[in-house]
């Protein structure tokens, strides 16, 4: 099971490390290995959240997520995305941007750093909306009941998460962006950039999340109708409309997953510059890490881990909230990637431990109930 799920990840790791040695010797090997570990540690919460969405999709779309999805994740976000940032911010053509990334690495890193406020605002707002929509939803299973119960009541207020997100964006733009980045000794005002990018992140979340939710609801309705009219559908042939709706629902959930993965990868891409500004080593290291995140997502789905450890999803969403706030703070202040990664690991670890304790309590309660039944039947 492990080899089947992680086989491609192991193969890509071997190829990536060999490529690193051929490209830059053992130093490059070390850098790629460190980047891989960085990406995995920063993205564990990504895998847990992805698994919650992926388990709703059929085997075909899970395969698409692992093939086409990984191409988008590795080549799109870890290789093309940093080049696009430079091309847009420096107003260069794509070929010039690639040439700059390979030939003048210091200038390339400087341009990516200048674009950081826009990246952080977009990714921060997208992730913040995921967190807010999660904590304001009234759900049967609550991890931190003392906090989640009152928040679920507040969540009944329409558009509350959007209002809070916009307030946080305004505070971020005013507090951080007016002092962001010194350029040639002078302060550069990035508040307009932060506001526009943050609003773009909010709009992206609402469009992609709204469409995936809409088609998911449609799919559920269609499945109920199909169940009721099963015999009629069988006589009429293939239920074409149901297949089309399932396709749309899965497609928009896939799209949502890709945007979600992109937002999660911002901190990894930016954090990678603390280790190297070589775009080839960066793509190799982050690409290997991205493969493991993908495989881990599928593993969690197939093992039913989220069903067994019910608080894992809560821990991952709290980690998303922390990451969103960290991204917004990094508009002005530098935060070490180790701190970012540790916060996510601690929150998910705590939720896992709470899930284990809950399972033990339930098993004990069932055991006691069985004992009482036996005593009663014996009497």
Protein backbone atom coordinates (compact mmCIF):
# COMPACT_ATOMS: atom_id res chain seq x y z
CA UNK A 1 0.00 0.00 0.00
CA UNK A 2 2.78 2.44 0.99
CA UNK A 3 4.92 1.56 -2.05
CA UNK A 4 1.92 1.83 -4.38
CA UNK A 5 0.98 5.29 -3.05
CA UNK A 6 4.49 6.72 -2.57
CA UNK A 7 6.24 4.86 -5.42
CA UNK A 8 6.32 7.85 -7.77
CA UNK A 9 7.51 10.11 -4.93
CA UNK A 10 10.44 7.77 -4.21
CA UNK A 11 11.31 7.65 -7.93
CA UNK A 12 11.15 11.45 -8.32
CA UNK A 13 13.29 11.85 -5.16
CA UNK A 14 16.00 9.57 -6.60
CA UNK A 15 15.96 11.31 -9.99
CA UNK A 16 15.88 14.79 -8.42
CA UNK A 17 18.85 14.09 -6.13
CA UNK A 18 20.88 12.55 -8.98
CA UNK A 19 20.05 15.60 -11.15
CA UNK A 20 21.19 17.88 -8.29
CA UNK A 21 24.56 16.08 -8.05
CA UNK A 22 25.06 16.30 -11.84
CA UNK A 23 24.05 20.00 -11.79
CA UNK A 24 26.08 21.24 -8.83
CA UNK A 25 27.78 18.41 -6.97
CA UNK A 26 27.22 17.38 -3.35
CA UNK A 27 26.50 20.95 -2.23
CA UNK A 28 23.55 21.03 -4.63
CA UNK A 29 22.49 17.60 -3.31
CA UNK A 30 22.37 18.98 0.26
CA UNK A 31 20.40 22.09 -0.79
CA UNK A 32 17.80 20.03 -2.70
CA UNK A 33 17.42 17.62 0.26
CA UNK A 34 16.88 20.54 2.68
CA UNK A 35 14.35 22.19 0.33
CA UNK A 36 12.43 18.90 0.02
CA UNK A 37 12.15 18.58 3.82
CA UNK A 38 11.15 22.28 4.09
CA UNK A 39 8.34 21.82 1.55
CA UNK A 40 7.00 18.65 3.22
CA UNK A 41 7.02 20.19 6.72
CA UNK A 42 5.33 23.40 5.52
CA UNK A 43 2.71 21.52 3.50
CA UNK A 44 1.52 18.74 5.80
CA UNK A 45 -1.59 20.78 6.65
CA UNK A 46 -2.12 21.15 2.89
CA UNK A 47 -2.25 17.35 2.53
CA UNK A 48 -4.83 16.99 5.33
CA UNK A 49 -7.13 19.66 3.85
CA UNK A 50 -6.68 18.30 0.32
CA UNK A 51 -7.64 14.83 1.59
CA UNK A 52 -10.91 16.20 2.97
CA UNK A 53 -11.82 17.42 -0.53
CA UNK A 54 -10.28 14.56 -2.50
CA UNK A 55 -12.27 11.85 -0.66
CA UNK A 56 -15.43 13.29 -2.30
CA UNK A 57 -13.98 12.62 -5.77
CA UNK A 58 -13.99 9.29 -7.62
CA UNK A 59 -10.91 7.21 -8.52
CA UNK A 60 -10.61 8.85 -11.96
CA UNK A 61 -10.34 12.37 -10.55
CA UNK A 62 -7.99 11.20 -7.81
CA UNK A 63 -5.75 9.91 -10.62
CA UNK A 64 -6.05 13.26 -12.44
CA UNK A 65 -5.03 15.00 -9.20
CA UNK A 66 -1.93 12.80 -9.01
CA UNK A 67 -0.92 13.22 -12.68
CA UNK A 68 -2.03 16.52 -14.25
CA UNK A 69 -2.31 18.05 -10.79
CA UNK A 70 1.28 17.24 -9.93
CA UNK A 71 2.47 18.75 -13.23
CA UNK A 72 0.67 21.99 -12.32
CA UNK A 73 2.03 21.85 -8.76
CA UNK A 74 5.66 21.07 -9.62
CA UNK A 75 6.19 22.88 -12.92
CA UNK A 76 3.50 25.54 -12.57
CA UNK A 77 3.98 26.71 -8.99
CA UNK A 78 7.58 25.68 -8.22
CA UNK A 79 9.24 26.55 -11.54
CA UNK A 80 7.04 28.80 -13.72
CA UNK A 81 5.46 30.86 -10.92
CA UNK A 82 8.69 32.48 -9.61
CA UNK A 83 9.66 33.36 -13.21
CA UNK A 84 6.20 34.87 -13.89
CA UNK A 85 6.55 36.99 -10.71
CA UNK A 86 9.81 38.42 -12.03
CA UNK A 87 8.44 38.91 -15.56
CA UNK A 88 5.41 40.88 -14.28
CA UNK A 89 7.16 42.91 -11.57
CA UNK A 90 10.18 43.82 -13.74
CA UNK A 91 8.08 44.13 -16.93
CA UNK A 92 10.25 41.61 -18.75
CA UNK A 93 9.37 39.04 -21.40
CA UNK A 94 9.20 35.40 -20.24
CA UNK A 95 12.45 34.47 -22.06
CA UNK A 96 14.27 37.45 -20.52
CA UNK A 97 12.94 36.48 -17.08
CA UNK A 98 14.23 32.90 -17.47
CA UNK A 99 17.60 34.23 -18.66
CA UNK A 100 17.75 36.55 -15.64
CA UNK A 101 16.88 33.65 -13.28
CA UNK A 102 19.75 31.57 -14.69
CA UNK A 103 22.38 34.26 -15.28
CA UNK A 104 21.84 36.97 -12.63
CA UNK A 105 20.53 35.14 -9.59
CA UNK A 106 20.96 38.03 -7.14
CA UNK A 107 18.92 40.43 -9.29
CA UNK A 108 16.31 37.69 -9.77
CA UNK A 109 16.01 37.19 -6.00
CA UNK A 110 15.72 40.96 -5.50
CA UNK A 111 12.81 41.17 -7.96
CA UNK A 112 11.00 38.25 -6.32
CA UNK A 113 11.48 39.89 -2.91
CA UNK A 114 9.98 43.14 -4.28
CA UNK A 115 6.94 41.18 -5.45
CA UNK A 116 6.52 39.50 -2.04
CA UNK A 117 3.87 41.91 -0.63
CA UNK A 118 1.54 41.14 -3.55
CA UNK A 119 2.13 37.37 -3.27
CA UNK A 120 1.68 37.38 0.52
CA UNK A 121 -1.54 39.44 0.33
CA UNK A 122 -3.09 37.20 -2.35
CA UNK A 123 -2.14 33.90 -0.67
CA UNK A 124 -2.87 35.22 2.84
CA UNK A 125 -6.41 36.29 1.95
CA UNK A 126 -7.22 33.05 0.10
CA UNK A 127 -6.06 30.92 3.04
CA UNK A 128 -7.71 33.24 5.60
CA UNK A 129 -11.09 32.78 3.88
CA UNK A 130 -10.70 28.98 4.06
CA UNK A 131 -9.99 29.24 7.79
CA UNK A 132 -12.82 31.69 8.55
CA UNK A 133 -15.42 29.69 6.61
CA UNK A 134 -14.35 26.58 8.53
CA UNK A 135 -14.52 28.04 12.05
CA UNK A 136 -17.83 29.87 11.46
CA UNK A 137 -19.56 26.69 10.27
CA UNK A 138 -21.61 24.76 12.80
CA UNK A 139 -20.34 21.16 12.67
CA UNK A 140 -21.27 18.09 14.70
CA UNK A 141 -17.72 17.27 15.78
CA UNK A 142 -15.91 20.07 17.64
CA UNK A 143 -12.27 19.95 18.68
CA UNK A 144 -11.96 23.12 20.82
CA UNK A 145 -15.61 23.29 21.89
CA UNK A 146 -15.15 26.36 24.14
CA UNK A 147 -14.01 28.33 21.07
CA UNK A 148 -15.90 26.65 18.22
CA UNK A 149 -19.39 26.77 19.77
CA UNK A 150 -19.59 30.59 20.08
CA UNK A 151 -17.91 31.04 16.68
CA UNK A 152 -20.50 28.74 15.07
CA UNK A 153 -23.27 30.97 16.51
CA UNK A 154 -21.53 34.08 15.13
CA UNK A 155 -21.26 32.31 11.77
CA UNK A 156 -25.03 32.65 11.29
CA UNK A 157 -24.42 36.32 10.44
CA UNK A 158 -24.36 36.64 6.64
CA UNK A 159 -21.01 37.51 4.98
CA UNK A 160 -19.23 37.67 8.36
CA UNK A 161 -16.10 35.87 7.11
CA UNK A 162 -15.82 38.28 4.13
CA UNK A 163 -16.20 41.33 6.41
CA UNK A 164 -13.54 40.07 8.85
CA UNK A 165 -11.16 39.19 5.98
CA UNK A 166 -11.54 42.68 4.45
CA UNK A 167 -10.98 44.35 7.84
CA UNK A 168 -7.77 42.29 8.33
CA UNK A 169 -6.67 43.20 4.78
CA UNK A 170 -7.22 46.93 5.45
CA UNK A 171 -5.27 46.70 8.72
CA UNK A 172 -2.46 44.82 6.92
CA UNK A 173 -2.30 47.41 4.12
CA UNK A 174 -2.19 50.37 6.53
CA UNK A 175 0.03 48.81 9.22
CA UNK A 176 2.54 46.84 7.16
CA UNK A 177 2.56 47.92 3.53
CA UNK A 178 3.26 51.63 4.05
CA UNK A 179 6.63 50.65 5.52
CA UNK A 180 7.31 47.68 3.24
CA UNK A 181 10.66 47.24 1.50
CA UNK A 182 13.41 49.78 1.44
CA UNK A 183 14.58 50.46 -2.10
CA UNK A 184 17.72 52.53 -2.54
CA UNK A 185 17.37 53.93 0.98
CA UNK A 186 13.79 55.17 0.47
CA UNK A 187 10.57 53.57 1.69
CA UNK A 188 8.30 52.23 -1.03
CA UNK A 189 4.55 52.43 -0.37
CA UNK A 190 3.04 49.06 -1.24
CA UNK A 191 -0.40 49.62 0.35
CA UNK A 192 -2.27 49.85 -3.00
CA UNK A 193 -0.52 46.68 -4.23
CA UNK A 194 -1.41 44.82 -1.03
CA UNK A 195 -5.06 45.92 -1.20
CA UNK A 196 -5.47 44.95 -4.87
CA UNK A 197 -3.70 41.60 -4.44
CA UNK A 198 -5.65 40.80 -1.27
CA UNK A 199 -8.97 41.59 -2.97
CA UNK A 200 -7.88 39.42 -5.93
CA UNK A 201 -7.22 36.55 -3.48
CA UNK A 202 -10.66 37.05 -1.91
CA UNK A 203 -12.41 37.11 -5.30
CA UNK A 204 -10.50 33.99 -6.44
CA UNK A 205 -11.62 32.14 -3.31
CA UNK A 206 -15.25 33.19 -3.74
CA UNK A 207 -15.40 32.26 -7.44
CA UNK A 208 -13.59 28.91 -7.26
CA UNK A 209 -15.01 27.90 -3.87
CA UNK A 210 -18.51 29.02 -4.87
CA UNK A 211 -18.47 27.09 -8.14
CA UNK A 212 -17.12 23.90 -6.54
CA UNK A 213 -19.72 24.13 -3.76
CA UNK A 214 -22.53 24.76 -6.27
CA UNK A 215 -21.66 21.76 -8.42
CA UNK A 216 -21.09 19.58 -5.36
CA UNK A 217 -24.64 20.37 -4.18
CA UNK A 218 -25.98 19.70 -7.67
CA UNK A 219 -24.16 16.36 -7.71
CA UNK A 220 -25.67 15.33 -4.37
CA UNK A 221 -29.18 16.27 -5.60
CA UNK A 222 -28.63 14.32 -8.79
CA UNK A 223 -27.36 11.26 -6.90
CA UNK A 224 -30.51 11.26 -4.74
CA UNK A 225 -32.74 11.57 -7.81
CA UNK A 226 -30.74 8.87 -9.59
CA UNK A 227 -31.13 6.54 -6.64
CA UNK A 228 -34.92 7.01 -6.69
CA UNK A 229 -35.21 6.48 -10.45
CA UNK A 230 -32.57 3.78 -10.82
CA UNK A 231 -34.75 1.31 -12.73
CA UNK A 232 -36.07 3.93 -15.16
CA UNK A 233 -32.52 5.20 -15.85
CA UNK A 234 -31.30 1.65 -16.54
CA UNK A 235 -34.05 1.09 -19.13
CA UNK A 236 -33.36 4.46 -20.80
CA UNK A 237 -29.62 3.76 -21.11
CA UNK A 238 -26.79 5.81 -19.62
CA UNK A 239 -27.85 8.64 -17.28
CA UNK A 240 -25.97 11.29 -19.31
CA UNK A 241 -26.99 14.33 -17.26
CA UNK A 242 -25.74 12.72 -14.05
CA UNK A 243 -22.35 11.94 -15.65
CA UNK A 244 -22.05 15.52 -16.92
CA UNK A 245 -22.87 16.97 -13.51
CA UNK A 246 -20.43 14.62 -11.81
CA UNK A 247 -17.78 15.81 -14.28
CA UNK A 248 -18.48 19.47 -13.58
CA UNK A 249 -18.54 18.94 -9.83
CA UNK A 250 -15.26 17.04 -9.88
CA UNK A 251 -13.66 19.55 -12.27
CA UNK A 252 -14.44 22.54 -10.05
CA UNK A 253 -13.31 20.68 -6.95
CA UNK A 254 -10.08 19.86 -8.82
CA UNK A 255 -9.72 23.54 -9.75
CA UNK A 256 -10.32 24.52 -6.12
CA UNK A 257 -7.64 22.03 -5.03
CA UNK A 258 -5.13 23.52 -7.48
CA UNK A 259 -5.73 27.11 -6.30
CA UNK A 260 -5.54 25.87 -2.70
CA UNK A 261 -2.22 24.14 -3.43
CA UNK A 262 -0.93 27.30 -5.12
CA UNK A 263 -1.78 29.39 -2.03
CA UNK A 264 -0.08 26.86 0.25
CA UNK A 265 3.04 26.83 -1.93
CA UNK A 266 3.63 30.61 -1.66
CA UNK A 267 5.38 30.29 1.69
CA UNK A 268 7.49 27.38 0.39
CA UNK A 269 8.57 29.26 -2.75
CA UNK A 270 9.37 32.44 -0.85
CA UNK A 271 11.02 30.51 2.00
CA UNK A 272 13.23 28.67 -0.50
CA UNK A 273 15.05 31.94 -1.24
CA UNK A 274 16.41 31.86 2.32
CA UNK A 275 18.28 28.70 1.31
CA UNK A 276 19.15 29.28 -2.37
CA UNK A 277 18.40 31.67 -5.24
CA UNK A 278 19.23 29.05 -7.87
CA UNK A 279 15.97 28.41 -9.74
CA UNK A 280 17.03 24.90 -10.86
CA UNK A 281 17.80 23.68 -7.32
CA UNK A 282 14.65 25.39 -6.05
CA UNK A 283 12.46 23.62 -8.61
CA UNK A 284 14.10 20.24 -7.84
CA UNK A 285 13.79 20.54 -4.05
CA UNK A 286 10.26 21.99 -3.94
CA UNK A 287 9.14 19.61 -6.69
CA UNK A 288 10.24 16.55 -4.67
CA UNK A 289 8.43 17.95 -1.62
CA UNK A 290 5.28 18.60 -3.66
CA UNK A 291 5.25 14.95 -4.82
CA UNK A 292 5.22 13.72 -1.21
CA UNK A 293 2.41 16.11 -0.31
CA UNK A 294 0.37 14.71 -3.22
CA UNK A 295 1.08 11.09 -2.24
CA UNK A 296 0.33 11.80 1.42
CA UNK A 297 -3.02 13.30 0.41
CA UNK A 298 -4.01 10.13 -1.49
CA UNK A 299 -2.70 7.93 1.36
CA UNK A 300 -4.89 9.78 3.92
CA UNK A 301 -7.93 9.28 1.65
CA UNK A 302 -7.35 5.58 0.95
CA UNK A 303 -6.56 4.71 4.57
CA UNK A 304 -9.62 6.61 5.81
CA UNK A 305 -7.37 8.46 8.26
CA UNK A 306 -9.63 11.54 8.40
CA UNK A 307 -12.56 9.34 9.43
CA UNK A 308 -10.52 7.61 12.14
CA UNK A 309 -8.82 10.76 13.47
CA UNK A 310 -11.69 13.24 13.37
CA UNK A 311 -9.83 16.28 14.74
CA UNK A 312 -7.07 16.20 12.09
CA UNK A 313 -9.07 18.42 9.75
CA UNK A 314 -9.61 20.92 12.57
CA UNK A 315 -5.88 21.05 13.32
CA UNK A 316 -5.08 21.56 9.63
CA UNK A 317 -7.54 24.46 9.34
CA UNK A 318 -6.11 26.15 12.44
CA UNK A 319 -2.68 25.73 10.82
CA UNK A 320 -4.10 27.39 7.68
CA UNK A 321 -5.33 30.31 9.81
CA UNK A 322 -1.88 30.66 11.38
CA UNK A 323 -0.20 30.48 7.94
CA UNK A 324 -2.57 33.13 6.54
CA UNK A 325 -1.70 35.55 9.35
CA UNK A 326 2.02 34.76 9.00
CA UNK A 327 1.87 35.54 5.25
CA UNK A 328 0.21 38.90 5.97
CA UNK A 329 2.78 39.74 8.67
CA UNK A 330 5.64 38.87 6.25
CA UNK A 331 4.54 41.79 4.06
CA UNK A 332 6.79 43.80 6.35
CA UNK A 333 8.52 41.46 8.82
CA UNK A 334 10.65 38.43 8.03
CA UNK A 335 9.56 35.25 9.79
CA UNK A 336 11.78 32.17 9.79
CA UNK A 337 10.35 29.22 7.81
CA UNK A 338 11.17 26.87 10.69
CA UNK A 339 8.70 28.79 12.89
CA UNK A 340 6.04 28.61 10.14
CA UNK A 341 6.55 24.88 9.70
CA UNK A 342 6.62 24.15 13.45
CA UNK A 343 3.32 25.96 14.08
CA UNK A 344 1.60 23.74 11.51
CA UNK A 345 3.23 20.56 12.83
CA UNK A 346 2.34 21.41 16.47
CA UNK A 347 -1.33 22.16 15.66
CA UNK A 348 -1.77 19.02 13.55
CA UNK A 349 0.13 16.94 16.12
CA UNK A 350 -2.16 18.25 18.90
CA UNK A 351 -5.28 17.46 16.86
CA UNK A 352 -3.96 13.96 16.12
CA UNK A 353 -3.27 13.32 19.82
CA UNK A 354 -6.77 14.58 20.73
CA UNK A 355 -8.23 12.21 18.11
CA UNK A 356 -6.31 9.25 19.57
CA UNK A 357 -7.55 10.08 23.10
CA UNK A 358 -11.13 10.41 21.79
CA UNK A 359 -10.91 7.01 20.08
CA UNK A 360 -9.62 5.44 23.32
CA UNK A 361 -12.48 6.99 25.32
CA UNK A 362 -15.07 5.72 22.81
CA UNK A 363 -13.54 2.22 22.80
CA UNK A 364 -13.54 2.18 26.60
CA UNK A 365 -17.16 3.36 26.73
CA UNK A 366 -18.17 0.63 24.26
CA UNK A 367 -16.30 -1.96 26.33
CA UNK A 368 -18.11 -0.86 29.50
CA UNK A 369 -21.46 -0.96 27.67
CA UNK A 370 -20.74 -4.52 26.47
CA UNK A 371 -19.85 -5.60 30.01
CA UNK A 372 -23.14 -4.18 31.33
CA UNK A 373 -25.06 -5.99 28.57
CA UNK A 374 -23.38 -9.29 29.49
CA UNK A 375 -24.13 -8.81 33.20
CA UNK A 376 -27.78 -7.93 32.43
CA UNK A 377 -28.24 -10.92 30.11
CA UNK A 378 -26.58 -13.17 32.74
CA UNK A 379 -29.07 -12.00 35.36
